[in-house]
Amino acid sequence: MAITNPVVNKVFDDLDAFRDFCRFENNGYPFDEKALYNKQHPIWIAYEKHQNYLRAKARGNKKR
């Protein structure tokens, strides 16, 4: 049975992306579910900075 609520889907998608960031990036952050959406947690801050970097990199590649 699939989850049909888009808000719940977004939470699970964000959790998967955050887990992948903690597992596969070179920084080796420990995965902690409590950090999800916590703007004061240092791992979440690093994740948001990484996401912003990826967005800016994509914008830069689009201009060329």
PDB file of N, CA and C in Angstrom:
ATOM      1  N   MET A   1       0.848  -1.177   0.000  1.00  0.00           N
ATOM      2  CA  MET A   1       0.000   0.000   0.000  1.00  0.00           C
ATOM      3  C   MET A   1       0.889   1.234   0.000  1.00  0.00           C
ATOM      4  N   ALA A   2       0.658   2.093  -0.936  1.00  0.00           N
ATOM      5  CA  ALA A   2       1.452   3.311  -1.072  1.00  0.00           C
ATOM      6  C   ALA A   2       0.864   4.426  -0.220  1.00  0.00           C
ATOM      7  N   ILE A   3       1.735   5.307   0.209  1.00  0.00           N
ATOM      8  CA  ILE A   3       1.296   6.467   0.981  1.00  0.00           C
ATOM      9  C   ILE A   3       0.832   7.526  -0.017  1.00  0.00           C
ATOM     10  N   THR A   4      -0.392   7.998   0.143  1.00  0.00           N
ATOM     11  CA  THR A   4      -0.959   8.936  -0.817  1.00  0.00           C
ATOM     12  C   THR A   4      -0.901  10.384  -0.340  1.00  0.00           C
ATOM     13  N   ASN A   5      -0.614  10.603   0.927  1.00  0.00           N
ATOM     14  CA  ASN A   5      -0.536  11.961   1.459  1.00  0.00           C
ATOM     15  C   ASN A   5       0.790  12.587   1.027  1.00  0.00           C
ATOM     16  N   PRO A   6       0.760  13.704   0.268  1.00  0.00           N
ATOM     17  CA  PRO A   6       2.010  14.299  -0.230  1.00  0.00           C
ATOM     18  C   PRO A   6       2.908  14.845   0.879  1.00  0.00           C
ATOM     19  N   VAL A   7       2.341  15.276   1.993  1.00  0.00           N
ATOM     20  CA  VAL A   7       3.150  15.790   3.099  1.00  0.00           C
ATOM     21  C   VAL A   7       3.963  14.652   3.726  1.00  0.00           C
ATOM     22  N   VAL A   8       3.328  13.518   3.908  1.00  0.00           N
ATOM     23  CA  VAL A   8       4.016  12.367   4.483  1.00  0.00           C
ATOM     24  C   VAL A   8       5.084  11.862   3.513  1.00  0.00           C
ATOM     25  N   ASN A   9       4.777  11.860   2.231  1.00  0.00           N
ATOM     26  CA  ASN A   9       5.773  11.463   1.228  1.00  0.00           C
ATOM     27  C   ASN A   9       6.986  12.369   1.266  1.00  0.00           C
ATOM     28  N   LYS A  10       6.771  13.687   1.429  1.00  0.00           N
ATOM     29  CA  LYS A  10       7.883  14.633   1.486  1.00  0.00           C
ATOM     30  C   LYS A  10       8.763  14.362   2.697  1.00  0.00           C
ATOM     31  N   VAL A  11       8.165  14.052   3.832  1.00  0.00           N
ATOM     32  CA  VAL A  11       8.951  13.760   5.035  1.00  0.00           C
ATOM     33  C   VAL A  11       9.828  12.538   4.811  1.00  0.00           C
ATOM     34  N   PHE A  12       9.265  11.484   4.246  1.00  0.00           N
ATOM     35  CA  PHE A  12      10.052  10.277   4.005  1.00  0.00           C
ATOM     36  C   PHE A  12      11.124  10.501   2.934  1.00  0.00           C
ATOM     37  N   ASP A  13      10.808  11.280   1.901  1.00  0.00           N
ATOM     38  CA  ASP A  13      11.818  11.595   0.881  1.00  0.00           C
ATOM     39  C   ASP A  13      12.961  12.421   1.475  1.00  0.00           C
ATOM     40  N   ASP A  14      12.607  13.392   2.319  1.00  0.00           N
ATOM     41  CA  ASP A  14      13.639  14.198   2.970  1.00  0.00           C
ATOM     42  C   ASP A  14      14.485  13.348   3.917  1.00  0.00           C
ATOM     43  N   LEU A  15      13.857  12.432   4.612  1.00  0.00           N
ATOM     44  CA  LEU A  15      14.590  11.552   5.514  1.00  0.00           C
ATOM     45  C   LEU A  15      15.560  10.661   4.741  1.00  0.00           C
ATOM     46  N   ASP A  16      15.131  10.148   3.591  1.00  0.00           N
ATOM     47  CA  ASP A  16      16.019   9.331   2.755  1.00  0.00           C
ATOM     48  C   ASP A  16      17.188  10.151   2.219  1.00  0.00           C
ATOM     49  N   ALA A  17      16.916  11.370   1.779  1.00  0.00           N
ATOM     50  CA  ALA A  17      17.986  12.226   1.258  1.00  0.00           C
ATOM     51  C   ALA A  17      18.969  12.598   2.362  1.00  0.00           C
ATOM     52  N   PHE A  18      18.458  12.857   3.548  1.00  0.00           N
ATOM     53  CA  PHE A  18      19.325  13.196   4.684  1.00  0.00           C
ATOM     54  C   PHE A  18      20.186  11.995   5.073  1.00  0.00           C
ATOM     55  N   ARG A  19      19.598  10.816   5.073  1.00  0.00           N
ATOM     56  CA  ARG A  19      20.356   9.593   5.386  1.00  0.00           C
ATOM     57  C   ARG A  19      21.453   9.360   4.346  1.00  0.00           C
ATOM     58  N   ASP A  20      21.130   9.561   3.069  1.00  0.00           N
ATOM     59  CA  ASP A  20      22.136   9.402   2.020  1.00  0.00           C
ATOM     60  C   ASP A  20      23.258  10.421   2.180  1.00  0.00           C
ATOM     61  N   PHE A  21      22.921  11.634   2.553  1.00  0.00           N
ATOM     62  CA  PHE A  21      23.953  12.649   2.801  1.00  0.00           C
ATOM     63  C   PHE A  21      24.894  12.197   3.908  1.00  0.00           C
ATOM     64  N   CYS A  22      24.327  11.695   4.989  1.00  0.00           N
ATOM     65  CA  CYS A  22      25.161  11.259   6.116  1.00  0.00           C
ATOM     66  C   CYS A  22      26.004  10.036   5.749  1.00  0.00           C
ATOM     67  N   ARG A  23      25.507   9.173   4.908  1.00  0.00           N
ATOM     68  CA  ARG A  23      26.225   7.942   4.581  1.00  0.00           C
ATOM     69  C   ARG A  23      27.284   8.139   3.514  1.00  0.00           C
ATOM     70  N   PHE A  24      26.989   8.912   2.470  1.00  0.00           N
ATOM     71  CA  PHE A  24      27.827   8.906   1.281  1.00  0.00           C
ATOM     72  C   PHE A  24      28.735  10.119   1.114  1.00  0.00           C
ATOM     73  N   GLU A  25      28.498  11.177   1.827  1.00  0.00           N
ATOM     74  CA  GLU A  25      29.369  12.338   1.692  1.00  0.00           C
ATOM     75  C   GLU A  25      30.663  12.096   2.452  1.00  0.00           C
ATOM     76  N   ASN A  26      31.719  12.792   2.070  1.00  0.00           N
ATOM     77  CA  ASN A  26      33.044  12.574   2.646  1.00  0.00           C
ATOM     78  C   ASN A  26      33.161  13.013   4.096  1.00  0.00           C
ATOM     79  N   ASN A  27      32.182  13.736   4.611  1.00  0.00           N
ATOM     80  CA  ASN A  27      32.273  14.252   5.967  1.00  0.00           C
ATOM     81  C   ASN A  27      32.011  13.188   7.034  1.00  0.00           C
ATOM     82  N   GLY A  28      31.291  12.122   6.715  1.00  0.00           N
ATOM     83  CA  GLY A  28      31.060  11.028   7.646  1.00  0.00           C
ATOM     84  C   GLY A  28      30.218  11.401   8.853  1.00  0.00           C
ATOM     85  N   TYR A  29      29.197  12.218   8.660  1.00  0.00           N
ATOM     86  CA  TYR A  29      28.329  12.580   9.771  1.00  0.00           C
ATOM     87  C   TYR A  29      27.519  11.375  10.232  1.00  0.00           C
ATOM     88  N   PRO A  30      27.270  11.257  11.532  1.00  0.00           N
ATOM     89  CA  PRO A  30      26.388  10.187  12.007  1.00  0.00           C
ATOM     90  C   PRO A  30      24.933  10.520  11.660  1.00  0.00           C
ATOM     91  N   PHE A  31      24.176   9.514  11.267  1.00  0.00           N
ATOM     92  CA  PHE A  31      22.771   9.721  10.909  1.00  0.00           C
ATOM     93  C   PHE A  31      21.942   9.753  12.182  1.00  0.00           C
ATOM     94  N   ASP A  32      21.192  10.822  12.358  1.00  0.00           N
ATOM     95  CA  ASP A  32      20.341  10.994  13.532  1.00  0.00           C
ATOM     96  C   ASP A  32      19.008  11.552  13.068  1.00  0.00           C
ATOM     97  N   GLU A  33      17.955  10.765  13.211  1.00  0.00           N
ATOM     98  CA  GLU A  33      16.630  11.181  12.743  1.00  0.00           C
ATOM     99  C   GLU A  33      16.139  12.429  13.462  1.00  0.00           C
ATOM    100  N   LYS A  34      16.596  12.633  14.688  1.00  0.00           N
ATOM    101  CA  LYS A  34      16.148  13.802  15.449  1.00  0.00           C
ATOM    102  C   LYS A  34      16.627  15.110  14.824  1.00  0.00           C
ATOM    103  N   ALA A  35      17.647  15.051  13.998  1.00  0.00           N
ATOM    104  CA  ALA A  35      18.183  16.266  13.390  1.00  0.00           C
ATOM    105  C   ALA A  35      17.338  16.744  12.214  1.00  0.00           C
ATOM    106  N   LEU A  36      16.445  15.900  11.707  1.00  0.00           N
ATOM    107  CA  LEU A  36      15.631  16.269  10.556  1.00  0.00           C
ATOM    108  C   LEU A  36      14.790  17.499  10.878  1.00  0.00           C
ATOM    109  N   TYR A  37      14.929  18.544  10.071  1.00  0.00           N
ATOM    110  CA  TYR A  37      14.226  19.827  10.181  1.00  0.00           C
ATOM    111  C   TYR A  37      14.604  20.634  11.428  1.00  0.00           C
ATOM    112  N   ASN A  38      15.638  20.219  12.171  1.00  0.00           N
ATOM    113  CA  ASN A  38      16.075  20.965  13.343  1.00  0.00           C
ATOM    114  C   ASN A  38      17.130  21.973  12.901  1.00  0.00           C
ATOM    115  N   LYS A  39      16.739  23.229  12.783  1.00  0.00           N
ATOM    116  CA  LYS A  39      17.618  24.257  12.228  1.00  0.00           C
ATOM    117  C   LYS A  39      18.791  24.602  13.135  1.00  0.00           C
ATOM    118  N   GLN A  40      18.830  24.096  14.344  1.00  0.00           N
ATOM    119  CA  GLN A  40      19.937  24.359  15.252  1.00  0.00           C
ATOM    120  C   GLN A  40      20.918  23.196  15.341  1.00  0.00           C
ATOM    121  N   HIS A  41      20.590  22.075  14.740  1.00  0.00           N
ATOM    122  CA  HIS A  41      21.459  20.897  14.791  1.00  0.00           C
ATOM    123  C   HIS A  41      22.578  21.051  13.756  1.00  0.00           C
ATOM    124  N   PRO A  42      23.839  20.849  14.148  1.00  0.00           N
ATOM    125  CA  PRO A  42      24.952  21.086  13.219  1.00  0.00           C
ATOM    126  C   PRO A  42      24.943  20.184  11.986  1.00  0.00           C
ATOM    127  N   ILE A  43      24.443  18.967  12.106  1.00  0.00           N
ATOM    128  CA  ILE A  43      24.391  18.081  10.947  1.00  0.00           C
ATOM    129  C   ILE A  43      23.332  18.563   9.956  1.00  0.00           C
ATOM    130  N   TRP A  44      22.198  19.024  10.454  1.00  0.00           N
ATOM    131  CA  TRP A  44      21.155  19.548   9.560  1.00  0.00           C
ATOM    132  C   TRP A  44      21.631  20.824   8.874  1.00  0.00           C
ATOM    133  N   ILE A  45      22.371  21.656   9.583  1.00  0.00           N
ATOM    134  CA  ILE A  45      22.926  22.868   8.986  1.00  0.00           C
ATOM    135  C   ILE A  45      23.876  22.507   7.848  1.00  0.00           C
ATOM    136  N   ALA A  46      24.722  21.502   8.072  1.00  0.00           N
ATOM    137  CA  ALA A  46      25.646  21.060   7.028  1.00  0.00           C
ATOM    138  C   ALA A  46      24.884  20.492   5.838  1.00  0.00           C
ATOM    139  N   TYR A  47      23.810  19.761   6.095  1.00  0.00           N
ATOM    140  CA  TYR A  47      22.984  19.200   5.017  1.00  0.00           C
ATOM    141  C   TYR A  47      22.350  20.315   4.181  1.00  0.00           C
ATOM    142  N   GLU A  48      21.813  21.335   4.853  1.00  0.00           N
ATOM    143  CA  GLU A  48      21.199  22.441   4.107  1.00  0.00           C
ATOM    144  C   GLU A  48      22.235  23.196   3.276  1.00  0.00           C
ATOM    145  N   LYS A  49      23.425  23.392   3.824  1.00  0.00           N
ATOM    146  CA  LYS A  49      24.484  24.056   3.055  1.00  0.00           C
ATOM    147  C   LYS A  49      24.859  23.229   1.834  1.00  0.00           C
ATOM    148  N   HIS A  50      24.900  21.918   2.001  1.00  0.00           N
ATOM    149  CA  HIS A  50      25.215  21.037   0.880  1.00  0.00           C
ATOM    150  C   HIS A  50      24.125  21.111  -0.190  1.00  0.00           C
ATOM    151  N   GLN A  51      22.872  21.120   0.230  1.00  0.00           N
ATOM    152  CA  GLN A  51      21.760  21.232  -0.714  1.00  0.00           C
ATOM    153  C   GLN A  51      21.820  22.569  -1.457  1.00  0.00           C
ATOM    154  N   ASN A  52      22.136  23.652  -0.746  1.00  0.00           N
ATOM    155  CA  ASN A  52      22.250  24.963  -1.388  1.00  0.00           C
ATOM    156  C   ASN A  52      23.400  24.975  -2.386  1.00  0.00           C
ATOM    157  N   TYR A  53      24.501  24.329  -2.044  1.00  0.00           N
ATOM    158  CA  TYR A  53      25.632  24.232  -2.964  1.00  0.00           C
ATOM    159  C   TYR A  53      25.227  23.492  -4.237  1.00  0.00           C
ATOM    160  N   LEU A  54      24.498  22.394  -4.094  1.00  0.00           N
ATOM    161  CA  LEU A  54      24.073  21.628  -5.268  1.00  0.00           C
ATOM    162  C   LEU A  54      23.133  22.445  -6.151  1.00  0.00           C
ATOM    163  N   ARG A  55      22.226  23.217  -5.523  1.00  0.00           N
ATOM    164  CA  ARG A  55      21.318  24.066  -6.295  1.00  0.00           C
ATOM    165  C   ARG A  55      22.083  25.148  -7.037  1.00  0.00           C
ATOM    166  N   ALA A  56      23.048  25.777  -6.370  1.00  0.00           N
ATOM    167  CA  ALA A  56      23.833  26.836  -7.008  1.00  0.00           C
ATOM    168  C   ALA A  56      24.691  26.266  -8.133  1.00  0.00           C
ATOM    169  N   LYS A  57      25.219  25.087  -7.935  1.00  0.00           N
ATOM    170  CA  LYS A  57      26.027  24.433  -8.972  1.00  0.00           C
ATOM    171  C   LYS A  57      25.164  24.126 -10.200  1.00  0.00           C
ATOM    172  N   ALA A  58      23.945  23.678  -9.970  1.00  0.00           N
ATOM    173  CA  ALA A  58      23.033  23.386 -11.079  1.00  0.00           C
ATOM    174  C   ALA A  58      22.655  24.664 -11.829  1.00  0.00           C
ATOM    175  N   ARG A  59      22.454  25.761 -11.101  1.00  0.00           N
ATOM    176  CA  ARG A  59      22.138  27.038 -11.747  1.00  0.00           C
ATOM    177  C   ARG A  59      23.311  27.510 -12.585  1.00  0.00           C
ATOM    178  N   GLY A  60      24.523  27.337 -12.065  1.00  0.00           N
ATOM    179  CA  GLY A  60      25.713  27.759 -12.805  1.00  0.00           C
ATOM    180  C   GLY A  60      25.919  26.967 -14.070  1.00  0.00           C
ATOM    181  N   ASN A  61      25.633  25.678 -14.031  1.00  0.00           N
ATOM    182  CA  ASN A  61      25.772  24.840 -15.214  1.00  0.00           C
ATOM    183  C   ASN A  61      24.707  25.150 -16.261  1.00  0.00           C
ATOM    184  N   LYS A  62      23.573  25.636 -15.828  1.00  0.00           N
ATOM    185  CA  LYS A  62      22.479  25.948 -16.752  1.00  0.00           C
ATOM    186  C   LYS A  62      22.784  27.183 -17.589  1.00  0.00           C
ATOM    187  N   LYS A  63      23.551  28.125 -17.027  1.00  0.00           N
ATOM    188  CA  LYS A  63      23.866  29.359 -17.742  1.00  0.00           C
ATOM    189  C   LYS A  63      24.823  29.141 -18.889  1.00  0.00           C
ATOM    190  N   ARG A  64      25.604  28.104 -18.853  1.00  0.00           N
ATOM    191  CA  ARG A  64      26.630  27.884 -19.869  1.00  0.00           C
ATOM    192  C   ARG A  64      26.073  27.322 -21.110  1.00  0.00           C
TER     193      ARG A  64
END
